[in-house]
Amino acid sequence: MILGKLRNFIEDKILTNPCFGKNQPLRSDNPSFLPSLNSLKKNGYCNVGKLLSEVELLQIRKKMTSLSKNKKIANFNKSVNYIQFNKPLLIHPAFTRIATNPYILDLIETYFNRECYLADVDARRIYAYDVNEIQKNVGYTSSNWHKDSRGRQLKLMIYLTDVNSNDSNFSFIPETHIPFFSRSKNNVYRFSDADVNQIENEPIEWLGKAGEACLFDTNLIHRLRRKKTASIRDSFTFYFTPGQELRHLDLDLGLPELNKNKIFSGAENSLFRPRIKY
């Protein structure tokens, strides 16, 4: 317990601290880089546009529908009414390409001021549900306001279906990523509605078209806003960190050149723990 807290402190305050990093070389010359980076630093998030074509989206949704019938791959959580898929990178090769997108990696590594890694991936199919029912069934979940508890981390979330005002959406409060919370503190990442009502900035409900993506610091106060009126919402999320909390990734073996990208490897600094399986 004490050693775990000490390791988290060292990782959060020293090994991943941007102040102790160094500028990383840019891979692209995207004109949106500086405005997006400034938004990420100031507000804790930036929109990075559409990353999937209509053809890819059609293929992905078809594959997810097929996989949803396979209980070995699709884990249906009845208490929160959504499906979480195993081995998400194998759903479609476009996800591996996005994970290695030069523009996205430039934003991430410049933000953290150091080399970064794909720490985890997540693919979900979320059905309509009342958040009060979830609270009654299982208590506190990601549908409640929180900050993630993995240290310094950026997530890239892609909507795979259109998300309108009646649908379940990603909701967050801009500029709440500062100050940074270390993982050594207990429960500081949970927030009540009363806590949120005391914050000056208003929550943003991220609505968007299928294929659009948002990059955000998971130290933002955020939640999955569930609605009874929602259509099915499919999404894919990439977790990027400077080296901590790395999980085992099942890579698409049909993409050997992309798989050589260092973001899929273990952290070069041996002080970080190796990739682990859930």
Protein backbone atom coordinates (compact mmCIF):
# COMPACT_ATOMS: atom_id res chain seq x y z
CA MET A 1 0.00 0.00 0.00
CA ILE A 2 2.70 2.49 1.06
CA LEU A 3 5.01 1.39 -1.78
CA GLY A 4 2.15 1.75 -4.26
CA LYS A 5 1.43 5.29 -3.10
CA LEU A 6 5.13 6.14 -3.27
CA ARG A 7 5.39 4.76 -6.83
CA ASN A 8 2.32 6.75 -7.89
CA PHE A 9 3.81 9.90 -6.35
CA ILE A 10 7.11 9.44 -8.20
CA GLU A 11 5.36 8.74 -11.51
CA ASP A 12 2.86 11.60 -11.18
CA LYS A 13 5.11 14.28 -9.72
CA ILE A 14 8.46 13.50 -11.36
CA LEU A 15 8.48 10.93 -14.19
CA THR A 16 5.48 12.37 -16.04
CA ASN A 17 5.78 16.00 -14.99
CA PRO A 18 5.94 18.22 -18.12
CA CYS A 19 8.33 20.57 -16.32
CA PHE A 20 10.98 17.84 -16.32
CA GLY A 21 10.45 16.81 -19.94
CA LYS A 22 11.82 18.06 -23.23
CA ASN A 23 10.37 19.22 -26.52
CA GLN A 24 9.53 16.40 -28.93
CA PRO A 25 10.12 16.75 -32.69
CA LEU A 26 6.97 17.39 -34.71
CA ARG A 27 5.85 14.78 -37.23
CA SER A 28 3.40 16.93 -39.23
CA ASP A 29 2.83 20.50 -40.38
CA ASN A 30 -0.92 20.60 -39.73
CA PRO A 31 -2.02 24.30 -39.60
CA SER A 32 -4.48 23.45 -36.80
CA PHE A 33 -1.68 22.34 -34.49
CA LEU A 34 -1.08 25.56 -32.52
CA PRO A 35 -4.77 26.54 -32.08
CA SER A 36 -5.59 23.00 -30.97
CA LEU A 37 -2.61 22.83 -28.62
CA ASN A 38 -3.53 26.19 -27.06
CA SER A 39 -7.10 25.01 -26.52
CA LEU A 40 -5.85 21.77 -24.97
CA LYS A 41 -3.59 23.64 -22.57
CA LYS A 42 -6.08 26.36 -21.63
CA ASN A 43 -9.40 24.52 -21.70
CA GLY A 44 -8.32 20.90 -21.27
CA TYR A 45 -9.74 19.74 -24.58
CA CYS A 46 -9.73 20.32 -28.33
CA ASN A 47 -11.76 19.04 -31.26
CA VAL A 48 -9.65 17.32 -33.90
CA GLY A 49 -12.27 16.90 -36.61
CA LYS A 50 -13.46 13.85 -38.49
CA LEU A 51 -11.02 10.93 -38.43
CA LEU A 52 -13.10 8.21 -40.12
CA SER A 53 -14.67 8.04 -43.57
CA GLU A 54 -18.30 7.10 -44.16
CA VAL A 55 -17.18 3.77 -45.62
CA GLU A 56 -15.06 3.01 -42.55
CA LEU A 57 -17.89 3.99 -40.21
CA LEU A 58 -20.30 1.67 -42.01
CA GLN A 59 -17.82 -1.20 -41.79
CA ILE A 60 -17.09 -0.56 -38.12
CA ARG A 61 -20.74 -0.39 -37.06
CA LYS A 62 -21.49 -3.56 -39.01
CA LYS A 63 -18.57 -5.35 -37.34
CA MET A 64 -19.60 -4.16 -33.86
CA THR A 65 -23.15 -5.37 -34.44
CA SER A 66 -21.81 -8.76 -35.47
CA LEU A 67 -19.42 -8.95 -32.51
CA SER A 68 -22.14 -7.91 -30.08
CA LYS A 69 -23.67 -11.38 -30.48
CA ASN A 70 -20.45 -13.09 -29.42
CA LYS A 71 -20.35 -13.36 -25.62
CA LYS A 72 -16.61 -14.13 -25.68
CA ILE A 73 -15.90 -10.74 -27.25
CA ALA A 74 -18.82 -8.53 -26.22
CA ASN A 75 -19.22 -8.03 -22.46
CA PHE A 76 -22.77 -6.86 -21.78
CA ASN A 77 -23.06 -5.04 -18.46
CA LYS A 78 -26.74 -5.31 -17.60
CA SER A 79 -26.55 -2.98 -14.60
CA VAL A 80 -25.42 -0.03 -16.76
CA ASN A 81 -26.84 -1.26 -20.09
CA TYR A 82 -23.83 -1.13 -22.37
CA ILE A 83 -21.49 -3.48 -24.23
CA GLN A 84 -17.71 -3.29 -23.89
CA PHE A 85 -15.71 -5.10 -26.58
CA ASN A 86 -12.55 -7.15 -26.05
CA LYS A 87 -9.51 -6.53 -28.28
CA PRO A 88 -10.84 -3.24 -29.70
CA LEU A 89 -7.96 -2.61 -32.14
CA LEU A 90 -9.00 -5.74 -34.05
CA ILE A 91 -12.43 -4.31 -34.90
CA HIS A 92 -11.04 -2.32 -37.85
CA PRO A 93 -7.54 -1.32 -39.10
CA ALA A 94 -8.56 2.35 -39.10
CA PHE A 95 -8.18 2.38 -35.32
CA THR A 96 -4.52 1.43 -35.51
CA ARG A 97 -3.96 4.14 -38.12
CA ILE A 98 -5.63 6.72 -35.88
CA ALA A 99 -3.49 5.64 -32.93
CA THR A 100 -0.40 6.47 -34.98
CA ASN A 101 -1.78 9.65 -36.59
CA PRO A 102 1.16 12.13 -36.68
CA TYR A 103 -0.98 15.18 -35.92
CA ILE A 104 -2.62 13.53 -32.90
CA LEU A 105 0.72 12.31 -31.56
CA ASP A 106 2.24 15.77 -32.03
CA LEU A 107 -0.52 17.28 -29.88
CA ILE A 108 -0.14 14.64 -27.18
CA GLU A 109 3.64 14.67 -26.91
CA THR A 110 3.91 18.46 -27.06
CA TYR A 111 1.24 18.74 -24.35
CA PHE A 112 3.09 16.34 -22.05
CA ASN A 113 6.51 17.57 -23.19
CA ARG A 114 7.81 14.00 -23.50
CA GLU A 115 7.42 10.71 -25.37
CA CYS A 116 4.04 9.08 -24.90
CA TYR A 117 2.41 5.68 -25.32
CA LEU A 118 -0.95 4.20 -26.16
CA ALA A 119 -1.84 2.97 -22.69
CA ASP A 120 -5.25 1.43 -23.35
CA VAL A 121 -8.18 1.31 -25.78
CA ASP A 122 -11.92 0.99 -25.31
CA ALA A 123 -14.85 0.29 -27.66
CA ARG A 124 -18.42 0.54 -26.36
CA ARG A 125 -22.01 0.32 -27.51
CA ILE A 126 -24.17 2.30 -25.11
CA TYR A 127 -27.93 1.91 -24.91
CA ALA A 128 -30.50 4.34 -23.52
CA TYR A 129 -30.75 4.36 -19.74
CA ASP A 130 -31.76 6.68 -16.91
CA VAL A 131 -28.79 7.76 -14.81
CA ASN A 132 -30.97 7.53 -11.68
CA GLU A 133 -31.57 3.86 -12.42
CA ILE A 134 -27.83 3.30 -12.78
CA GLN A 135 -27.25 5.05 -9.46
CA LYS A 136 -29.84 2.81 -7.81
CA ASN A 137 -28.37 -0.37 -9.35
CA VAL A 138 -24.64 0.11 -8.86
CA GLY A 139 -24.02 3.45 -7.16
CA TYR A 140 -21.19 5.70 -8.38
CA THR A 141 -20.15 5.12 -12.03
CA SER A 142 -18.61 7.00 -14.96
CA SER A 143 -22.07 8.51 -15.45
CA ASN A 144 -21.34 10.63 -12.37
CA TRP A 145 -18.94 13.58 -12.36
CA HIS A 146 -15.33 12.49 -11.89
CA LYS A 147 -11.69 12.84 -12.88
CA ASP A 148 -9.88 9.72 -14.08
CA SER A 149 -7.51 8.11 -11.60
CA ARG A 150 -4.61 7.16 -13.89
CA GLY A 151 -2.41 10.20 -13.45
CA ARG A 152 -1.49 12.40 -16.42
CA GLN A 153 -3.51 11.15 -19.35
CA LEU A 154 -5.12 12.32 -22.58
CA LYS A 155 -8.02 10.48 -24.16
CA LEU A 156 -9.02 10.63 -27.79
CA MET A 157 -12.72 9.79 -28.08
CA ILE A 158 -14.37 9.16 -31.44
CA TYR A 159 -18.11 9.04 -31.93
CA LEU A 160 -19.00 6.18 -34.28
CA THR A 161 -22.65 7.27 -34.45
CA ASP A 162 -24.25 10.70 -34.63
CA VAL A 163 -24.82 12.13 -31.14
CA ASN A 164 -27.60 14.70 -30.88
CA SER A 165 -29.20 16.57 -27.96
CA ASN A 166 -31.48 13.62 -27.14
CA ASP A 167 -28.60 11.13 -27.03
CA SER A 168 -26.17 10.01 -24.34
CA ASN A 169 -23.07 12.16 -24.70
CA PHE A 170 -19.68 12.97 -23.25
CA SER A 171 -20.00 15.94 -20.92
CA PHE A 172 -17.18 17.92 -19.29
CA ILE A 173 -16.36 21.18 -17.54
CA PRO A 174 -13.63 23.18 -19.32
CA GLU A 175 -10.57 24.44 -17.44
CA THR A 176 -11.03 22.00 -14.55
CA HIS A 177 -7.91 20.01 -15.51
CA ILE A 178 -5.85 22.39 -13.37
CA PRO A 179 -4.65 21.75 -10.69
CA PHE A 180 -3.46 18.25 -11.45
CA PHE A 181 -4.53 15.60 -8.91
CA SER A 182 -2.03 12.88 -7.99
CA ARG A 183 -3.29 9.31 -7.76
CA SER A 184 -2.06 9.18 -4.16
CA LYS A 185 -5.04 11.17 -2.95
CA ASN A 186 -8.16 9.17 -2.09
CA ASN A 187 -11.47 9.93 -3.83
CA VAL A 188 -10.54 13.47 -4.88
CA TYR A 189 -11.64 12.50 -8.39
CA ARG A 190 -15.35 12.19 -7.46
CA PHE A 191 -17.67 15.18 -7.57
CA SER A 192 -21.31 15.63 -6.64
CA ASP A 193 -23.83 17.75 -8.55
CA ALA A 194 -23.55 20.24 -5.69
CA ASP A 195 -19.79 20.44 -6.21
CA VAL A 196 -20.26 21.06 -9.93
CA ASN A 197 -22.87 23.75 -9.30
CA GLN A 198 -20.20 25.72 -7.42
CA ILE A 199 -17.90 25.81 -10.46
CA GLU A 200 -18.00 28.98 -12.54
CA ASN A 201 -17.64 27.30 -15.94
CA GLU A 202 -20.71 25.63 -17.40
CA PRO A 203 -20.55 21.97 -18.48
CA ILE A 204 -20.21 21.34 -22.21
CA GLU A 205 -22.33 18.63 -23.79
CA TRP A 206 -20.25 17.29 -26.68
CA LEU A 207 -22.59 16.64 -29.60
CA GLY A 208 -21.21 15.58 -32.95
CA LYS A 209 -21.37 13.58 -36.13
CA ALA A 210 -20.12 10.05 -36.54
CA GLY A 211 -16.36 10.02 -37.10
CA GLU A 212 -15.67 13.23 -35.20
CA ALA A 213 -13.13 13.15 -32.36
CA CYS A 214 -12.29 15.07 -29.22
CA LEU A 215 -8.93 15.02 -27.43
CA PHE A 216 -9.16 15.82 -23.71
CA ASP A 217 -7.19 15.77 -20.48
CA THR A 218 -8.82 13.22 -18.15
CA ASN A 219 -8.13 15.53 -15.21
CA LEU A 220 -11.11 17.50 -16.51
CA ILE A 221 -14.26 16.92 -14.48
CA HIS A 222 -16.36 14.84 -16.85
CA ARG A 223 -19.00 12.14 -17.19
CA LEU A 224 -20.97 10.02 -19.61
CA ARG A 225 -24.34 11.78 -19.63
CA ARG A 226 -26.97 9.04 -20.01
CA LYS A 227 -30.45 9.75 -21.36
CA LYS A 228 -33.61 7.65 -21.60
CA THR A 229 -34.32 9.23 -25.00
CA ALA A 230 -30.99 8.15 -26.51
CA SER A 231 -30.35 6.20 -29.66
CA ILE A 232 -27.61 3.57 -29.57
CA ARG A 233 -24.24 5.30 -29.18
CA ASP A 234 -21.05 3.62 -30.39
CA SER A 235 -17.68 5.08 -29.48
CA PHE A 236 -13.96 4.26 -29.50
CA THR A 237 -11.52 5.75 -27.00
CA PHE A 238 -7.70 5.80 -27.01
CA TYR A 239 -5.82 6.35 -23.73
CA PHE A 240 -2.42 8.07 -24.03
CA THR A 241 0.00 8.51 -21.11
CA PRO A 242 3.70 9.44 -20.70
CA GLY A 243 4.44 5.89 -19.53
CA GLN A 244 2.29 4.98 -16.52
CA GLU A 245 -0.72 2.65 -16.39
CA LEU A 246 0.19 0.80 -19.61
CA ARG A 247 -2.11 -2.14 -20.41
CA HIS A 248 -1.55 -5.07 -22.78
CA LEU A 249 -2.73 -4.30 -26.32
CA ASP A 250 -3.93 -6.92 -28.83
CA LEU A 251 -2.48 -5.50 -32.05
CA ASP A 252 -3.78 -6.07 -35.56
CA LEU A 253 -1.20 -8.47 -37.00
CA GLY A 254 -2.18 -7.42 -40.51
CA LEU A 255 -0.50 -4.04 -39.90
CA PRO A 256 3.12 -4.96 -39.06
CA GLU A 257 4.65 -1.62 -40.07
CA LEU A 258 2.23 0.45 -38.00
CA ASN A 259 2.68 -1.91 -35.05
CA LYS A 260 6.38 -0.97 -34.94
CA ASN A 261 5.42 2.51 -33.76
CA LYS A 262 6.91 3.08 -30.31
CA ILE A 263 3.54 4.12 -28.87
CA PHE A 264 2.63 0.40 -28.75
CA SER A 265 5.82 -0.56 -26.89
CA GLY A 266 6.62 -0.55 -23.20
CA ALA A 267 7.96 2.65 -21.67
CA GLU A 268 11.66 3.23 -22.35
CA ASN A 269 12.23 4.44 -18.79
CA SER A 270 12.66 1.27 -16.73
CA LEU A 271 11.21 2.99 -13.66
CA PHE A 272 7.75 2.61 -15.17
CA ARG A 273 5.96 -0.69 -14.74
CA PRO A 274 5.72 -2.94 -17.83
CA ARG A 275 2.43 -3.39 -19.66
CA ILE A 276 -0.03 -5.49 -17.68
CA LYS A 277 -3.13 -7.50 -18.57
CA TYR A 278 -6.44 -6.73 -16.87
